[in-house]
């Protein structure tokens, strides 16, 4: 039943995903820490109205943050994402196991749990769909990280993290510089319209 959680100024470096198990949480204060990333599980905090993340080490936000349907205030000032964006994102080629798993999933190869070892059945259940609508592929462990810029309230463009199945699903992200491009604007149009209807205040300065 916890509604207000204040953890500011505690030298916290990471947020445990289990924090998402607080369905009544409305105000979450994580400012003045050393947090570098936000777990996407926080999108399950459907009652969250205010999220304070200022004065941390964030360079991007997970795209799942758009699912916080009741979020009214998001404080981000004093984070690297406000003054510089991620430029170089590496990609590690998938393993043979992952390539085999992708083939099974994308080609709908039939199999029964009794046909495979238990660990492989569990592995196949962990497939994530590539968000590129023109792809239809899946990934497991190896994916391409891409920054997608979203306009939250008509003034500020924030970087959200995407995970794609391969470099071919990603166009060159020239918008990684501080100047916005027409490509980044078109990429973020849908998410921008969703966020604009919900987000009331984004504090960057």
C-alpha atoms as a PDB file:
ATOM      1  CA  UNK A   1       0.000   0.000   0.000  1.00  0.00           C
ATOM      2  CA  UNK A   2       3.050   2.296  -0.080  1.00  0.00           C
ATOM      3  CA  UNK A   3       2.238   5.554  -1.890  1.00  0.00           C
ATOM      4  CA  UNK A   4       5.282   7.788  -1.302  1.00  0.00           C
ATOM      5  CA  UNK A   5       8.900   6.581  -1.440  1.00  0.00           C
ATOM      6  CA  UNK A   6      11.799   8.999  -0.911  1.00  0.00           C
ATOM      7  CA  UNK A   7      15.280   7.629  -1.633  1.00  0.00           C
ATOM      8  CA  UNK A   8      17.071  10.836  -2.576  1.00  0.00           C
ATOM      9  CA  UNK A   9      20.716  11.423  -1.695  1.00  0.00           C
ATOM     10  CA  UNK A  10      21.690   7.840  -0.891  1.00  0.00           C
ATOM     11  CA  UNK A  11      24.475   7.137  -3.434  1.00  0.00           C
ATOM     12  CA  UNK A  12      22.218   4.569  -5.114  1.00  0.00           C
ATOM     13  CA  UNK A  13      23.738   3.248  -8.352  1.00  0.00           C
ATOM     14  CA  UNK A  14      20.875   1.084  -9.629  1.00  0.00           C
ATOM     15  CA  UNK A  15      17.134   0.694  -9.137  1.00  0.00           C
ATOM     16  CA  UNK A  16      15.936  -2.835  -8.310  1.00  0.00           C
ATOM     17  CA  UNK A  17      13.208  -4.007 -10.722  1.00  0.00           C
ATOM     18  CA  UNK A  18      11.273  -5.294  -7.700  1.00  0.00           C
ATOM     19  CA  UNK A  19      10.318  -1.680  -7.026  1.00  0.00           C
ATOM     20  CA  UNK A  20       7.631  -2.262  -9.660  1.00  0.00           C
ATOM     21  CA  UNK A  21       5.802  -4.469  -7.146  1.00  0.00           C
ATOM     22  CA  UNK A  22       4.322  -1.404  -5.423  1.00  0.00           C
ATOM     23  CA  UNK A  23       0.987  -0.947  -7.224  1.00  0.00           C
ATOM     24  CA  UNK A  24      -0.131   2.046  -5.130  1.00  0.00           C
ATOM     25  CA  UNK A  25       3.098   4.034  -5.456  1.00  0.00           C
ATOM     26  CA  UNK A  26       2.257   7.585  -6.563  1.00  0.00           C
ATOM     27  CA  UNK A  27       5.418   9.571  -5.766  1.00  0.00           C
ATOM     28  CA  UNK A  28       8.913   8.172  -6.302  1.00  0.00           C
ATOM     29  CA  UNK A  29      11.928  10.339  -5.441  1.00  0.00           C
ATOM     30  CA  UNK A  30      15.312   9.042  -6.626  1.00  0.00           C
ATOM     31  CA  UNK A  31      17.123  12.349  -7.025  1.00  0.00           C
ATOM     32  CA  UNK A  32      20.742  13.092  -6.030  1.00  0.00           C
ATOM     33  CA  UNK A  33      22.046   9.561  -6.539  1.00  0.00           C
ATOM     34  CA  UNK A  34      24.384   7.806  -9.011  1.00  0.00           C
ATOM     35  CA  UNK A  35      21.749   6.048 -11.100  1.00  0.00           C
ATOM     36  CA  UNK A  36      22.784   5.328 -14.702  1.00  0.00           C
ATOM     37  CA  UNK A  37      19.693   3.566 -16.057  1.00  0.00           C
ATOM     38  CA  UNK A  38      16.004   3.041 -15.314  1.00  0.00           C
ATOM     39  CA  UNK A  39      14.688  -0.547 -15.377  1.00  0.00           C
ATOM     40  CA  UNK A  40      11.790  -0.893 -17.853  1.00  0.00           C
ATOM     41  CA  UNK A  41       9.819  -2.717 -15.147  1.00  0.00           C
ATOM     42  CA  UNK A  42       9.023   0.669 -13.583  1.00  0.00           C
ATOM     43  CA  UNK A  43       6.431   1.047 -16.352  1.00  0.00           C
ATOM     44  CA  UNK A  44       4.289  -1.295 -14.231  1.00  0.00           C
ATOM     45  CA  UNK A  45       3.825   1.481 -11.634  1.00  0.00           C
ATOM     46  CA  UNK A  46       0.482   2.475 -13.099  1.00  0.00           C
ATOM     47  CA  UNK A  47      -0.397   4.736 -10.154  1.00  0.00           C
ATOM     48  CA  UNK A  48       2.799   6.784 -10.418  1.00  0.00           C
ATOM     49  CA  UNK A  49       2.125  10.526 -10.729  1.00  0.00           C
ATOM     50  CA  UNK A  50       5.531  12.041  -9.974  1.00  0.00           C
ATOM     51  CA  UNK A  51       9.003  10.676 -10.736  1.00  0.00           C
ATOM     52  CA  UNK A  52      12.037  12.657  -9.542  1.00  0.00           C
ATOM     53  CA  UNK A  53      15.293  11.595 -11.189  1.00  0.00           C
ATOM     54  CA  UNK A  54      17.252  14.845 -11.164  1.00  0.00           C
ATOM     55  CA  UNK A  55      20.968  14.932 -10.401  1.00  0.00           C
ATOM     56  CA  UNK A  56      21.803  11.386 -11.493  1.00  0.00           C
ATOM     57  CA  UNK A  57      23.884   9.906 -14.338  1.00  0.00           C
ATOM     58  CA  UNK A  58      21.125   9.092 -16.835  1.00  0.00           C
ATOM     59  CA  UNK A  59      21.961   9.253 -20.537  1.00  0.00           C
ATOM     60  CA  UNK A  60      18.659   7.811 -21.793  1.00  0.00           C
ATOM     61  CA  UNK A  61      15.214   6.682 -20.654  1.00  0.00           C
ATOM     62  CA  UNK A  62      13.586   3.325 -21.452  1.00  0.00           C
ATOM     63  CA  UNK A  63      10.787   3.717 -23.987  1.00  0.00           C
ATOM     64  CA  UNK A  64       8.503   1.854 -21.570  1.00  0.00           C
ATOM     65  CA  UNK A  65       8.263   5.061 -19.534  1.00  0.00           C
ATOM     66  CA  UNK A  66       5.528   6.113 -21.969  1.00  0.00           C
ATOM     67  CA  UNK A  67       3.328   3.450 -20.366  1.00  0.00           C
ATOM     68  CA  UNK A  68       3.128   5.430 -17.113  1.00  0.00           C
ATOM     69  CA  UNK A  69      -0.368   6.609 -17.942  1.00  0.00           C
ATOM     70  CA  UNK A  70      -0.857   8.732 -14.808  1.00  0.00           C
ATOM     71  CA  UNK A  71       2.585  10.355 -14.736  1.00  0.00           C
ATOM     72  CA  UNK A  72       2.204  14.132 -14.448  1.00  0.00           C
ATOM     73  CA  UNK A  73       5.672  15.254 -13.407  1.00  0.00           C
ATOM     74  CA  UNK A  74       9.079  14.000 -14.514  1.00  0.00           C
ATOM     75  CA  UNK A  75      12.185  15.708 -13.127  1.00  0.00           C
ATOM     76  CA  UNK A  76      15.388  15.113 -15.115  1.00  0.00           C
ATOM     77  CA  UNK A  77      17.562  18.177 -14.574  1.00  0.00           C
ATOM     78  CA  UNK A  78      21.207  17.596 -13.799  1.00  0.00           C
ATOM     79  CA  UNK A  79      21.491  14.386 -15.871  1.00  0.00           C
ATOM     80  CA  UNK A  80      23.850  13.865 -18.825  1.00  0.00           C
ATOM     81  CA  UNK A  81      20.864  13.232 -21.112  1.00  0.00           C
ATOM     82  CA  UNK A  82      19.935  16.881 -20.776  1.00  0.00           C
ATOM     83  CA  UNK A  83      23.221  18.194 -22.198  1.00  0.00           C
ATOM     84  CA  UNK A  84      24.607  15.298 -24.280  1.00  0.00           C
ATOM     85  CA  UNK A  85      23.217  12.197 -25.959  1.00  0.00           C
ATOM     86  CA  UNK A  86      24.505   8.681 -26.506  1.00  0.00           C
ATOM     87  CA  UNK A  87      26.558   8.579 -29.724  1.00  0.00           C
ATOM     88  CA  UNK A  88      28.333   5.246 -29.974  1.00  0.00           C
ATOM     89  CA  UNK A  89      26.300   2.104 -29.328  1.00  0.00           C
ATOM     90  CA  UNK A  90      27.969  -1.273 -29.826  1.00  0.00           C
ATOM     91  CA  UNK A  91      26.427  -4.451 -31.196  1.00  0.00           C
ATOM     92  CA  UNK A  92      27.625  -7.966 -30.369  1.00  0.00           C
ATOM     93  CA  UNK A  93      26.713 -10.601 -32.995  1.00  0.00           C
ATOM     94  CA  UNK A  94      24.269 -13.273 -31.779  1.00  0.00           C
ATOM     95  CA  UNK A  95      25.484 -16.711 -30.745  1.00  0.00           C
ATOM     96  CA  UNK A  96      24.722 -19.858 -32.746  1.00  0.00           C
ATOM     97  CA  UNK A  97      22.114 -20.732 -30.132  1.00  0.00           C
ATOM     98  CA  UNK A  98      20.399 -17.407 -30.604  1.00  0.00           C
ATOM     99  CA  UNK A  99      20.513 -17.689 -34.404  1.00  0.00           C
ATOM    100  CA  UNK A 100      18.881 -21.109 -34.133  1.00  0.00           C
ATOM    101  CA  UNK A 101      16.275 -19.745 -31.725  1.00  0.00           C
ATOM    102  CA  UNK A 102      15.501 -16.840 -34.035  1.00  0.00           C
ATOM    103  CA  UNK A 103      15.009 -19.233 -36.946  1.00  0.00           C
ATOM    104  CA  UNK A 104      12.628 -21.407 -34.950  1.00  0.00           C
ATOM    105  CA  UNK A 105      10.575 -18.381 -33.893  1.00  0.00           C
ATOM    106  CA  UNK A 106      10.486 -16.457 -37.170  1.00  0.00           C
ATOM    107  CA  UNK A 107       9.726 -19.522 -39.294  1.00  0.00           C
ATOM    108  CA  UNK A 108       7.291 -21.007 -36.771  1.00  0.00           C
ATOM    109  CA  UNK A 109       9.121 -24.336 -36.662  1.00  0.00           C
ATOM    110  CA  UNK A 110       6.868 -26.672 -34.665  1.00  0.00           C
ATOM    111  CA  UNK A 111       8.248 -28.305 -31.538  1.00  0.00           C
ATOM    112  CA  UNK A 112       6.933 -29.875 -28.348  1.00  0.00           C
ATOM    113  CA  UNK A 113       8.461 -29.352 -24.892  1.00  0.00           C
ATOM    114  CA  UNK A 114       9.317 -33.054 -24.879  1.00  0.00           C
ATOM    115  CA  UNK A 115      11.454 -32.578 -28.010  1.00  0.00           C
ATOM    116  CA  UNK A 116      13.978 -30.266 -26.372  1.00  0.00           C
ATOM    117  CA  UNK A 117      15.919 -29.952 -23.118  1.00  0.00           C
ATOM    118  CA  UNK A 118      14.157 -27.867 -20.504  1.00  0.00           C
ATOM    119  CA  UNK A 119      16.712 -25.042 -20.697  1.00  0.00           C
ATOM    120  CA  UNK A 120      16.162 -24.657 -24.459  1.00  0.00           C
ATOM    121  CA  UNK A 121      12.382 -24.588 -24.062  1.00  0.00           C
ATOM    122  CA  UNK A 122      12.799 -21.855 -21.451  1.00  0.00           C
ATOM    123  CA  UNK A 123      15.210 -20.008 -23.734  1.00  0.00           C
ATOM    124  CA  UNK A 124      12.758 -20.023 -26.637  1.00  0.00           C
ATOM    125  CA  UNK A 125      10.073 -18.571 -24.375  1.00  0.00           C
ATOM    126  CA  UNK A 126      12.260 -15.507 -23.737  1.00  0.00           C
ATOM    127  CA  UNK A 127      12.142 -14.228 -27.324  1.00  0.00           C
ATOM    128  CA  UNK A 128      11.417 -10.500 -27.681  1.00  0.00           C
ATOM    129  CA  UNK A 129       9.784  -9.085 -30.796  1.00  0.00           C
ATOM    130  CA  UNK A 130      11.704  -6.491 -32.769  1.00  0.00           C
ATOM    131  CA  UNK A 131       9.782  -3.168 -32.554  1.00  0.00           C
ATOM    132  CA  UNK A 132      10.480  -2.458 -36.227  1.00  0.00           C
ATOM    133  CA  UNK A 133       7.076  -3.097 -37.876  1.00  0.00           C
ATOM    134  CA  UNK A 134       8.792  -3.952 -41.194  1.00  0.00           C
ATOM    135  CA  UNK A 135      10.955  -6.654 -39.621  1.00  0.00           C
ATOM    136  CA  UNK A 136       8.899  -9.237 -37.759  1.00  0.00           C
ATOM    137  CA  UNK A 137      12.050 -10.727 -36.267  1.00  0.00           C
ATOM    138  CA  UNK A 138      12.930 -11.647 -32.701  1.00  0.00           C
ATOM    139  CA  UNK A 139      15.971 -11.414 -30.454  1.00  0.00           C
ATOM    140  CA  UNK A 140      17.082 -13.018 -27.200  1.00  0.00           C
ATOM    141  CA  UNK A 141      20.358 -11.676 -25.792  1.00  0.00           C
ATOM    142  CA  UNK A 142      22.028  -9.871 -28.696  1.00  0.00           C
ATOM    143  CA  UNK A 143      20.306  -6.760 -29.943  1.00  0.00           C
ATOM    144  CA  UNK A 144      21.017  -3.314 -31.320  1.00  0.00           C
ATOM    145  CA  UNK A 145      20.563  -0.427 -28.944  1.00  0.00           C
ATOM    146  CA  UNK A 146      19.189   2.672 -30.626  1.00  0.00           C
ATOM    147  CA  UNK A 147      18.258   6.066 -29.285  1.00  0.00           C
ATOM    148  CA  UNK A 148      14.874   7.393 -30.381  1.00  0.00           C
ATOM    149  CA  UNK A 149      14.051  11.009 -29.642  1.00  0.00           C
ATOM    150  CA  UNK A 150      10.624  11.894 -28.298  1.00  0.00           C
ATOM    151  CA  UNK A 151       9.115  15.320 -27.756  1.00  0.00           C
ATOM    152  CA  UNK A 152       7.383  15.086 -24.372  1.00  0.00           C
ATOM    153  CA  UNK A 153       5.657  18.429 -24.085  1.00  0.00           C
ATOM    154  CA  UNK A 154       6.208  20.405 -27.264  1.00  0.00           C
ATOM    155  CA  UNK A 155       9.543  21.844 -26.183  1.00  0.00           C
ATOM    156  CA  UNK A 156      12.009  19.205 -25.011  1.00  0.00           C
ATOM    157  CA  UNK A 157      13.234  16.197 -26.982  1.00  0.00           C
ATOM    158  CA  UNK A 158      14.366  13.305 -24.794  1.00  0.00           C
ATOM    159  CA  UNK A 159      16.244  10.142 -25.811  1.00  0.00           C
ATOM    160  CA  UNK A 160      14.421   6.848 -25.272  1.00  0.00           C
ATOM    161  CA  UNK A 161      16.156   3.507 -25.675  1.00  0.00           C
ATOM    162  CA  UNK A 162      15.028   1.019 -28.342  1.00  0.00           C
ATOM    163  CA  UNK A 163      16.200  -2.555 -28.787  1.00  0.00           C
ATOM    164  CA  UNK A 164      16.250  -3.891 -32.354  1.00  0.00           C
ATOM    165  CA  UNK A 165      17.127  -7.383 -33.552  1.00  0.00           C
ATOM    166  CA  UNK A 166      19.878  -6.379 -35.998  1.00  0.00           C
ATOM    167  CA  UNK A 167      21.715  -3.353 -37.435  1.00  0.00           C
ATOM    168  CA  UNK A 168      19.627  -3.701 -40.617  1.00  0.00           C
ATOM    169  CA  UNK A 169      16.558  -2.663 -38.608  1.00  0.00           C
ATOM    170  CA  UNK A 170      18.216   0.597 -37.617  1.00  0.00           C
ATOM    171  CA  UNK A 171      18.716   3.598 -39.861  1.00  0.00           C
ATOM    172  CA  UNK A 172      21.718   5.859 -39.192  1.00  0.00           C
ATOM    173  CA  UNK A 173      20.771   7.880 -36.147  1.00  0.00           C
ATOM    174  CA  UNK A 174      22.189  11.254 -37.089  1.00  0.00           C
ATOM    175  CA  UNK A 175      19.888  12.739 -34.478  1.00  0.00           C
ATOM    176  CA  UNK A 176      22.315  11.524 -31.818  1.00  0.00           C
ATOM    177  CA  UNK A 177      23.795  14.971 -31.996  1.00  0.00           C
ATOM    178  CA  UNK A 178      22.035  17.806 -30.251  1.00  0.00           C
ATOM    179  CA  UNK A 179      20.446  18.991 -33.489  1.00  0.00           C
ATOM    180  CA  UNK A 180      17.133  17.294 -34.346  1.00  0.00           C
ATOM    181  CA  UNK A 181      16.520  15.877 -37.819  1.00  0.00           C
ATOM    182  CA  UNK A 182      13.405  15.220 -39.847  1.00  0.00           C
ATOM    183  CA  UNK A 183      14.117  11.479 -39.577  1.00  0.00           C
ATOM    184  CA  UNK A 184      14.127  11.555 -35.793  1.00  0.00           C
ATOM    185  CA  UNK A 185      10.980  13.648 -35.806  1.00  0.00           C
ATOM    186  CA  UNK A 186       9.123  11.184 -38.000  1.00  0.00           C
ATOM    187  CA  UNK A 187      10.407   8.230 -35.968  1.00  0.00           C
ATOM    188  CA  UNK A 188       9.076   9.694 -32.736  1.00  0.00           C
ATOM    189  CA  UNK A 189       5.800  11.082 -34.049  1.00  0.00           C
ATOM    190  CA  UNK A 190       3.574   8.365 -32.602  1.00  0.00           C
ATOM    191  CA  UNK A 191       5.230   8.335 -29.192  1.00  0.00           C
ATOM    192  CA  UNK A 192       5.289  12.118 -29.112  1.00  0.00           C
ATOM    193  CA  UNK A 193       1.541  12.325 -29.655  1.00  0.00           C
ATOM    194  CA  UNK A 194       0.936   9.780 -26.892  1.00  0.00           C
ATOM    195  CA  UNK A 195       3.214  11.552 -24.435  1.00  0.00           C
ATOM    196  CA  UNK A 196       1.863  15.004 -25.237  1.00  0.00           C
ATOM    197  CA  UNK A 197      -1.584  13.978 -24.060  1.00  0.00           C
ATOM    198  CA  UNK A 198      -0.299  12.759 -20.720  1.00  0.00           C
ATOM    199  CA  UNK A 199       2.839  14.492 -19.548  1.00  0.00           C
ATOM    200  CA  UNK A 200       2.075  17.797 -17.855  1.00  0.00           C
ATOM    201  CA  UNK A 201       5.509  18.807 -16.638  1.00  0.00           C
ATOM    202  CA  UNK A 202       9.036  17.816 -17.604  1.00  0.00           C
ATOM    203  CA  UNK A 203      11.685  19.514 -15.465  1.00  0.00           C
ATOM    204  CA  UNK A 204      15.031  19.749 -17.248  1.00  0.00           C
ATOM    205  CA  UNK A 205      16.539  22.963 -15.929  1.00  0.00           C
END
